[in-house]
Amino acid sequence: MSMGWKIAFFGGLAVGYVMGAKAGRQRYEQIARLGRKVRQSPTLQEAAGVVQEQAGKLAHTGRQRVVRALHRAEA
C-alpha cells in the first residue's frame, strides 16, 4: 500500500471515529434524559412504593416461616 493510501485510510478512519463518537454521545444524552424523565414520573414513583411495600410484606412472611420451621426442627 502506498503512503498516500495509508494517509487517506487513516484520515477517513479518524473522521469516522470522531463523527461516530459525537453521534454516540448525543444518543447517550437522549437516553439519559428519557431515563431521568421516567424516574421522576409520579406513576412510576407510586408503583415503586407499592412494590416496595409488597416486598416488605413478603420478606416478613418469609422470615416468620423460616423461624417456625427452625423451631419445629429443634423440637
PDB file of N, CA and C in Angstrom:
ATOM      1  N   MET A   1       0.856  -1.166   0.000  1.00  0.00           N
ATOM      2  CA  MET A   1       0.000   0.000   0.000  1.00  0.00           C
ATOM      3  C   MET A   1       0.907   1.234   0.000  1.00  0.00           C
ATOM      4  N   SER A   2       0.595   2.188  -0.843  1.00  0.00           N
ATOM      5  CA  SER A   2       1.432   3.388  -0.915  1.00  0.00           C
ATOM      6  C   SER A   2       1.127   4.321   0.258  1.00  0.00           C
ATOM      7  N   MET A   3       1.994   5.246   0.497  1.00  0.00           N
ATOM      8  CA  MET A   3       1.852   6.179   1.607  1.00  0.00           C
ATOM      9  C   MET A   3       0.582   7.012   1.464  1.00  0.00           C
ATOM     10  N   GLY A   4       0.235   7.418   0.266  1.00  0.00           N
ATOM     11  CA  GLY A   4      -0.974   8.217   0.034  1.00  0.00           C
ATOM     12  C   GLY A   4      -2.229   7.475   0.455  1.00  0.00           C
ATOM     13  N   TRP A   5      -2.302   6.198   0.131  1.00  0.00           N
ATOM     14  CA  TRP A   5      -3.462   5.384   0.515  1.00  0.00           C
ATOM     15  C   TRP A   5      -3.543   5.217   2.033  1.00  0.00           C
ATOM     16  N   LYS A   6      -2.401   5.044   2.651  1.00  0.00           N
ATOM     17  CA  LYS A   6      -2.377   4.898   4.111  1.00  0.00           C
ATOM     18  C   LYS A   6      -2.877   6.171   4.798  1.00  0.00           C
ATOM     19  N   ILE A   7      -2.413   7.312   4.309  1.00  0.00           N
ATOM     20  CA  ILE A   7      -2.839   8.579   4.898  1.00  0.00           C
ATOM     21  C   ILE A   7      -4.342   8.770   4.708  1.00  0.00           C
ATOM     22  N   ALA A   8      -4.828   8.481   3.505  1.00  0.00           N
ATOM     23  CA  ALA A   8      -6.259   8.631   3.225  1.00  0.00           C
ATOM     24  C   ALA A   8      -7.075   7.665   4.088  1.00  0.00           C
ATOM     25  N   PHE A   9      -6.603   6.438   4.221  1.00  0.00           N
ATOM     26  CA  PHE A   9      -7.320   5.432   5.016  1.00  0.00           C
ATOM     27  C   PHE A   9      -7.405   5.852   6.482  1.00  0.00           C
ATOM     28  N   PHE A  10      -6.270   6.213   7.072  1.00  0.00           N
ATOM     29  CA  PHE A  10      -6.261   6.590   8.482  1.00  0.00           C
ATOM     30  C   PHE A  10      -6.966   7.919   8.716  1.00  0.00           C
ATOM     31  N   GLY A  11      -6.890   8.819   7.738  1.00  0.00           N
ATOM     32  CA  GLY A  11      -7.633  10.070   7.842  1.00  0.00           C
ATOM     33  C   GLY A  11      -9.137   9.798   7.867  1.00  0.00           C
ATOM     34  N   GLY A  12      -9.603   8.925   6.985  1.00  0.00           N
ATOM     35  CA  GLY A  12     -11.018   8.539   6.965  1.00  0.00           C
ATOM     36  C   GLY A  12     -11.421   7.833   8.251  1.00  0.00           C
ATOM     37  N   LEU A  13     -10.542   7.002   8.731  1.00  0.00           N
ATOM     38  CA  LEU A  13     -10.802   6.293   9.989  1.00  0.00           C
ATOM     39  C   LEU A  13     -10.961   7.286  11.145  1.00  0.00           C
ATOM     40  N   ALA A  14     -10.095   8.275  11.203  1.00  0.00           N
ATOM     41  CA  ALA A  14     -10.161   9.272  12.269  1.00  0.00           C
ATOM     42  C   ALA A  14     -11.445  10.089  12.175  1.00  0.00           C
ATOM     43  N   VAL A  15     -11.808  10.511  10.965  1.00  0.00           N
ATOM     44  CA  VAL A  15     -13.035  11.290  10.782  1.00  0.00           C
ATOM     45  C   VAL A  15     -14.250  10.452  11.179  1.00  0.00           C
ATOM     46  N   GLY A  16     -14.276   9.204  10.766  1.00  0.00           N
ATOM     47  CA  GLY A  16     -15.385   8.309  11.118  1.00  0.00           C
ATOM     48  C   GLY A  16     -15.497   8.110  12.617  1.00  0.00           C
ATOM     49  N   TYR A  17     -14.361   7.971  13.274  1.00  0.00           N
ATOM     50  CA  TYR A  17     -14.364   7.791  14.723  1.00  0.00           C
ATOM     51  C   TYR A  17     -14.938   9.011  15.421  1.00  0.00           C
ATOM     52  N   VAL A  18     -14.466  10.186  15.029  1.00  0.00           N
ATOM     53  CA  VAL A  18     -14.932  11.424  15.663  1.00  0.00           C
ATOM     54  C   VAL A  18     -16.421  11.610  15.439  1.00  0.00           C
ATOM     55  N   MET A  19     -16.885  11.392  14.210  1.00  0.00           N
ATOM     56  CA  MET A  19     -18.315  11.559  13.916  1.00  0.00           C
ATOM     57  C   MET A  19     -19.155  10.525  14.671  1.00  0.00           C
ATOM     58  N   GLY A  20     -18.676   9.305  14.727  1.00  0.00           N
ATOM     59  CA  GLY A  20     -19.392   8.258  15.457  1.00  0.00           C
ATOM     60  C   GLY A  20     -19.442   8.526  16.945  1.00  0.00           C
ATOM     61  N   ALA A  21     -18.341   9.019  17.499  1.00  0.00           N
ATOM     62  CA  ALA A  21     -18.298   9.318  18.936  1.00  0.00           C
ATOM     63  C   ALA A  21     -19.280  10.433  19.272  1.00  0.00           C
ATOM     64  N   LYS A  22     -19.359  11.438  18.408  1.00  0.00           N
ATOM     65  CA  LYS A  22     -20.282  12.544  18.652  1.00  0.00           C
ATOM     66  C   LYS A  22     -21.722  12.049  18.573  1.00  0.00           C
ATOM     67  N   ALA A  23     -22.032  11.239  17.569  1.00  0.00           N
ATOM     68  CA  ALA A  23     -23.385  10.698  17.421  1.00  0.00           C
ATOM     69  C   ALA A  23     -23.721   9.798  18.611  1.00  0.00           C
ATOM     70  N   GLY A  24     -22.748   9.023  19.066  1.00  0.00           N
ATOM     71  CA  GLY A  24     -22.962   8.151  20.215  1.00  0.00           C
ATOM     72  C   GLY A  24     -23.233   8.945  21.484  1.00  0.00           C
ATOM     73  N   ARG A  25     -22.515  10.043  21.647  1.00  0.00           N
ATOM     74  CA  ARG A  25     -22.701  10.878  22.838  1.00  0.00           C
ATOM     75  C   ARG A  25     -24.081  11.519  22.827  1.00  0.00           C
ATOM     76  N   GLN A  26     -24.514  11.971  21.655  1.00  0.00           N
ATOM     77  CA  GLN A  26     -25.846  12.573  21.538  1.00  0.00           C
ATOM     78  C   GLN A  26     -26.920  11.547  21.883  1.00  0.00           C
ATOM     79  N   ARG A  27     -26.771  10.332  21.393  1.00  0.00           N
ATOM     80  CA  ARG A  27     -27.747   9.274  21.689  1.00  0.00           C
ATOM     81  C   ARG A  27     -27.731   8.943  23.178  1.00  0.00           C
ATOM     82  N   TYR A  28     -26.548   8.902  23.776  1.00  0.00           N
ATOM     83  CA  TYR A  28     -26.440   8.631  25.207  1.00  0.00           C
ATOM     84  C   TYR A  28     -27.189   9.702  26.000  1.00  0.00           C
ATOM     85  N   GLU A  29     -26.973  10.978  25.637  1.00  0.00           N
ATOM     86  CA  GLU A  29     -27.655  12.073  26.328  1.00  0.00           C
ATOM     87  C   GLU A  29     -29.169  11.962  26.172  1.00  0.00           C
ATOM     88  N   GLN A  30     -29.617  11.571  24.990  1.00  0.00           N
ATOM     89  CA  GLN A  30     -31.054  11.409  24.747  1.00  0.00           C
ATOM     90  C   GLN A  30     -31.628  10.314  25.655  1.00  0.00           C
ATOM     91  N   ILE A  31     -30.942   9.204  25.749  1.00  0.00           N
ATOM     92  CA  ILE A  31     -31.391   8.092  26.597  1.00  0.00           C
ATOM     93  C   ILE A  31     -31.354   8.498  28.071  1.00  0.00           C
ATOM     94  N   ALA A  32     -30.318   9.223  28.478  1.00  0.00           N
ATOM     95  CA  ALA A  32     -30.202   9.664  29.871  1.00  0.00           C
ATOM     96  C   ALA A  32     -31.344  10.617  30.239  1.00  0.00           C
ATOM     97  N   ARG A  33     -31.684  11.538  29.326  1.00  0.00           N
ATOM     98  CA  ARG A  33     -32.805  12.460  29.595  1.00  0.00           C
ATOM     99  C   ARG A  33     -34.109  11.680  29.751  1.00  0.00           C
ATOM    100  N   LEU A  34     -34.322  10.702  28.884  1.00  0.00           N
ATOM    101  CA  LEU A  34     -35.531   9.883  28.973  1.00  0.00           C
ATOM    102  C   LEU A  34     -35.564   9.130  30.299  1.00  0.00           C
ATOM    103  N   GLY A  35     -34.432   8.585  30.716  1.00  0.00           N
ATOM    104  CA  GLY A  35     -34.359   7.867  31.985  1.00  0.00           C
ATOM    105  C   GLY A  35     -34.703   8.754  33.169  1.00  0.00           C
ATOM    106  N   ARG A  36     -34.178   9.978  33.168  1.00  0.00           N
ATOM    107  CA  ARG A  36     -34.490  10.910  34.258  1.00  0.00           C
ATOM    108  C   ARG A  36     -35.981  11.247  34.264  1.00  0.00           C
ATOM    109  N   LYS A  37     -36.536  11.449  33.087  1.00  0.00           N
ATOM    110  CA  LYS A  37     -37.958  11.786  32.982  1.00  0.00           C
ATOM    111  C   LYS A  37     -38.830  10.649  33.512  1.00  0.00           C
ATOM    112  N   VAL A  38     -38.468   9.421  33.166  1.00  0.00           N
ATOM    113  CA  VAL A  38     -39.239   8.258  33.626  1.00  0.00           C
ATOM    114  C   VAL A  38     -39.120   8.100  35.137  1.00  0.00           C
ATOM    115  N   ARG A  39     -37.900   8.250  35.679  1.00  0.00           N
ATOM    116  CA  ARG A  39     -37.702   8.098  37.131  1.00  0.00           C
ATOM    117  C   ARG A  39     -38.491   9.127  37.918  1.00  0.00           C
ATOM    118  N   GLN A  40     -38.694  10.293  37.362  1.00  0.00           N
ATOM    119  CA  GLN A  40     -39.403  11.360  38.063  1.00  0.00           C
ATOM    120  C   GLN A  40     -40.911  11.284  37.862  1.00  0.00           C
ATOM    121  N   SER A  41     -41.376  10.316  37.113  1.00  0.00           N
ATOM    122  CA  SER A  41     -42.796  10.171  36.833  1.00  0.00           C
ATOM    123  C   SER A  41     -43.563   9.807  38.105  1.00  0.00           C
ATOM    124  N   PRO A  42     -44.656  10.532  38.417  1.00  0.00           N
ATOM    125  CA  PRO A  42     -45.457  10.210  39.603  1.00  0.00           C
ATOM    126  C   PRO A  42     -46.016   8.783  39.544  1.00  0.00           C
ATOM    127  N   THR A  43     -46.389   8.335  38.368  1.00  0.00           N
ATOM    128  CA  THR A  43     -46.918   6.975  38.220  1.00  0.00           C
ATOM    129  C   THR A  43     -45.865   5.947  38.608  1.00  0.00           C
ATOM    130  N   LEU A  44     -44.641   6.148  38.134  1.00  0.00           N
ATOM    131  CA  LEU A  44     -43.565   5.221  38.471  1.00  0.00           C
ATOM    132  C   LEU A  44     -43.252   5.271  39.965  1.00  0.00           C
ATOM    133  N   GLN A  45     -43.256   6.459  40.544  1.00  0.00           N
ATOM    134  CA  GLN A  45     -42.992   6.592  41.976  1.00  0.00           C
ATOM    135  C   GLN A  45     -44.036   5.830  42.793  1.00  0.00           C
ATOM    136  N   GLU A  46     -45.290   5.949  42.387  1.00  0.00           N
ATOM    137  CA  GLU A  46     -46.361   5.252  43.089  1.00  0.00           C
ATOM    138  C   GLU A  46     -46.204   3.740  42.960  1.00  0.00           C
ATOM    139  N   ALA A  47     -45.917   3.292  41.747  1.00  0.00           N
ATOM    140  CA  ALA A  47     -45.734   1.853  41.523  1.00  0.00           C
ATOM    141  C   ALA A  47     -44.554   1.325  42.335  1.00  0.00           C
ATOM    142  N   ALA A  48     -43.477   2.095  42.399  1.00  0.00           N
ATOM    143  CA  ALA A  48     -42.313   1.666  43.171  1.00  0.00           C
ATOM    144  C   ALA A  48     -42.655   1.549  44.652  1.00  0.00           C
ATOM    145  N   GLY A  49     -43.488   2.460  45.153  1.00  0.00           N
ATOM    146  CA  GLY A  49     -43.912   2.384  46.553  1.00  0.00           C
ATOM    147  C   GLY A  49     -44.725   1.137  46.826  1.00  0.00           C
ATOM    148  N   VAL A  50     -45.620   0.802  45.908  1.00  0.00           N
ATOM    149  CA  VAL A  50     -46.442  -0.401  46.070  1.00  0.00           C
ATOM    150  C   VAL A  50     -45.567  -1.652  46.048  1.00  0.00           C
ATOM    151  N   VAL A  51     -44.640  -1.692  45.111  1.00  0.00           N
ATOM    152  CA  VAL A  51     -43.745  -2.853  45.007  1.00  0.00           C
ATOM    153  C   VAL A  51     -42.891  -2.978  46.263  1.00  0.00           C
ATOM    154  N   GLN A  52     -42.391  -1.865  46.761  1.00  0.00           N
ATOM    155  CA  GLN A  52     -41.570  -1.897  47.976  1.00  0.00           C
ATOM    156  C   GLN A  52     -42.382  -2.400  49.164  1.00  0.00           C
ATOM    157  N   GLU A  53     -43.619  -1.960  49.267  1.00  0.00           N
ATOM    158  CA  GLU A  53     -44.480  -2.408  50.363  1.00  0.00           C
ATOM    159  C   GLU A  53     -44.729  -3.914  50.281  1.00  0.00           C
ATOM    160  N   GLN A  54     -45.037  -4.396  49.082  1.00  0.00           N
ATOM    161  CA  GLN A  54     -45.283  -5.825  48.899  1.00  0.00           C
ATOM    162  C   GLN A  54     -44.030  -6.646  49.208  1.00  0.00           C
ATOM    163  N   ALA A  55     -42.865  -6.151  48.784  1.00  0.00           N
ATOM    164  CA  ALA A  55     -41.619  -6.862  49.057  1.00  0.00           C
ATOM    165  C   ALA A  55     -41.370  -6.948  50.559  1.00  0.00           C
ATOM    166  N   GLY A  56     -41.678  -5.875  51.273  1.00  0.00           N
ATOM    167  CA  GLY A  56     -41.518  -5.889  52.729  1.00  0.00           C
ATOM    168  C   GLY A  56     -42.415  -6.919  53.388  1.00  0.00           C
ATOM    169  N   LYS A  57     -43.660  -7.001  52.904  1.00  0.00           N
ATOM    170  CA  LYS A  57     -44.601  -7.983  53.455  1.00  0.00           C
ATOM    171  C   LYS A  57     -44.123  -9.408  53.173  1.00  0.00           C
ATOM    172  N   LEU A  58     -43.643  -9.640  51.949  1.00  0.00           N
ATOM    173  CA  LEU A  58     -43.160 -10.980  51.595  1.00  0.00           C
ATOM    174  C   LEU A  58     -41.936 -11.355  52.425  1.00  0.00           C
ATOM    175  N   ALA A  59     -41.045 -10.408  52.646  1.00  0.00           N
ATOM    176  CA  ALA A  59     -39.853 -10.685  53.452  1.00  0.00           C
ATOM    177  C   ALA A  59     -40.248 -11.031  54.884  1.00  0.00           C
ATOM    178  N   HIS A  60     -41.199 -10.292  55.425  1.00  0.00           N
ATOM    179  CA  HIS A  60     -41.664 -10.556  56.784  1.00  0.00           C
ATOM    180  C   HIS A  60     -42.277 -11.955  56.884  1.00  0.00           C
ATOM    181  N   THR A  61     -43.132 -12.290  55.925  1.00  0.00           N
ATOM    182  CA  THR A  61     -43.769 -13.615  55.911  1.00  0.00           C
ATOM    183  C   THR A  61     -42.716 -14.715  55.782  1.00  0.00           C
ATOM    184  N   GLY A  62     -41.732 -14.484  54.910  1.00  0.00           N
ATOM    185  CA  GLY A  62     -40.667 -15.475  54.726  1.00  0.00           C
ATOM    186  C   GLY A  62     -39.876 -15.700  55.998  1.00  0.00           C
ATOM    187  N   ARG A  63     -39.539 -14.613  56.690  1.00  0.00           N
ATOM    188  CA  ARG A  63     -38.798 -14.742  57.958  1.00  0.00           C
ATOM    189  C   ARG A  63     -39.612 -15.539  58.979  1.00  0.00           C
ATOM    190  N   GLN A  64     -40.914 -15.258  59.064  1.00  0.00           N
ATOM    191  CA  GLN A  64     -41.765 -15.979  60.016  1.00  0.00           C
ATOM    192  C   GLN A  64     -41.779 -17.469  59.707  1.00  0.00           C
ATOM    193  N   ARG A  65     -41.876 -17.807  58.439  1.00  0.00           N
ATOM    194  CA  ARG A  65     -41.910 -19.234  58.066  1.00  0.00           C
ATOM    195  C   ARG A  65     -40.593 -19.931  58.377  1.00  0.00           C
ATOM    196  N   VAL A  66     -39.491 -19.248  58.154  1.00  0.00           N
ATOM    197  CA  VAL A  66     -38.184 -19.839  58.445  1.00  0.00           C
ATOM    198  C   VAL A  66     -38.044 -20.065  59.945  1.00  0.00           C
ATOM    199  N   VAL A  67     -38.444 -19.083  60.748  1.00  0.00           N
ATOM    200  CA  VAL A  67     -38.345 -19.218  62.201  1.00  0.00           C
ATOM    201  C   VAL A  67     -39.205 -20.387  62.682  1.00  0.00           C
ATOM    202  N   ARG A  68     -40.438 -20.470  62.174  1.00  0.00           N
ATOM    203  CA  ARG A  68     -41.309 -21.596  62.562  1.00  0.00           C
ATOM    204  C   ARG A  68     -40.710 -22.927  62.174  1.00  0.00           C
ATOM    205  N   ALA A  69     -40.150 -23.012  60.980  1.00  0.00           N
ATOM    206  CA  ALA A  69     -39.540 -24.270  60.524  1.00  0.00           C
ATOM    207  C   ALA A  69     -38.350 -24.633  61.406  1.00  0.00           C
ATOM    208  N   LEU A  70     -37.563 -23.652  61.788  1.00  0.00           N
ATOM    209  CA  LEU A  70     -36.420 -23.932  62.669  1.00  0.00           C
ATOM    210  C   LEU A  70     -36.885 -24.404  64.040  1.00  0.00           C
ATOM    211  N   HIS A  71     -37.935 -23.805  64.554  1.00  0.00           N
ATOM    212  CA  HIS A  71     -38.445 -24.228  65.858  1.00  0.00           C
ATOM    213  C   HIS A  71     -38.974 -25.665  65.789  1.00  0.00           C
ATOM    214  N   ARG A  72     -39.639 -25.987  64.696  1.00  0.00           N
ATOM    215  CA  ARG A  72     -40.150 -27.363  64.543  1.00  0.00           C
ATOM    216  C   ARG A  72     -39.003 -28.356  64.424  1.00  0.00           C
ATOM    217  N   ALA A  73     -37.950 -27.959  63.732  1.00  0.00           N
ATOM    218  CA  ALA A  73     -36.810 -28.855  63.545  1.00  0.00           C
ATOM    219  C   ALA A  73     -36.080 -29.096  64.874  1.00  0.00           C
ATOM    220  N   GLU A  74     -36.084 -28.111  65.763  1.00  0.00           N
ATOM    221  CA  GLU A  74     -35.440 -28.259  67.062  1.00  0.00           C
ATOM    222  C   GLU A  74     -36.237 -29.161  67.996  1.00  0.00           C
ATOM    223  N   ALA A  75     -37.545 -29.207  67.807  1.00  0.00           N
ATOM    224  CA  ALA A  75     -38.397 -29.973  68.712  1.00  0.00           C
ATOM    225  C   ALA A  75     -38.340 -31.450  68.453  1.00  0.00           C
TER     226      ALA A  75
END
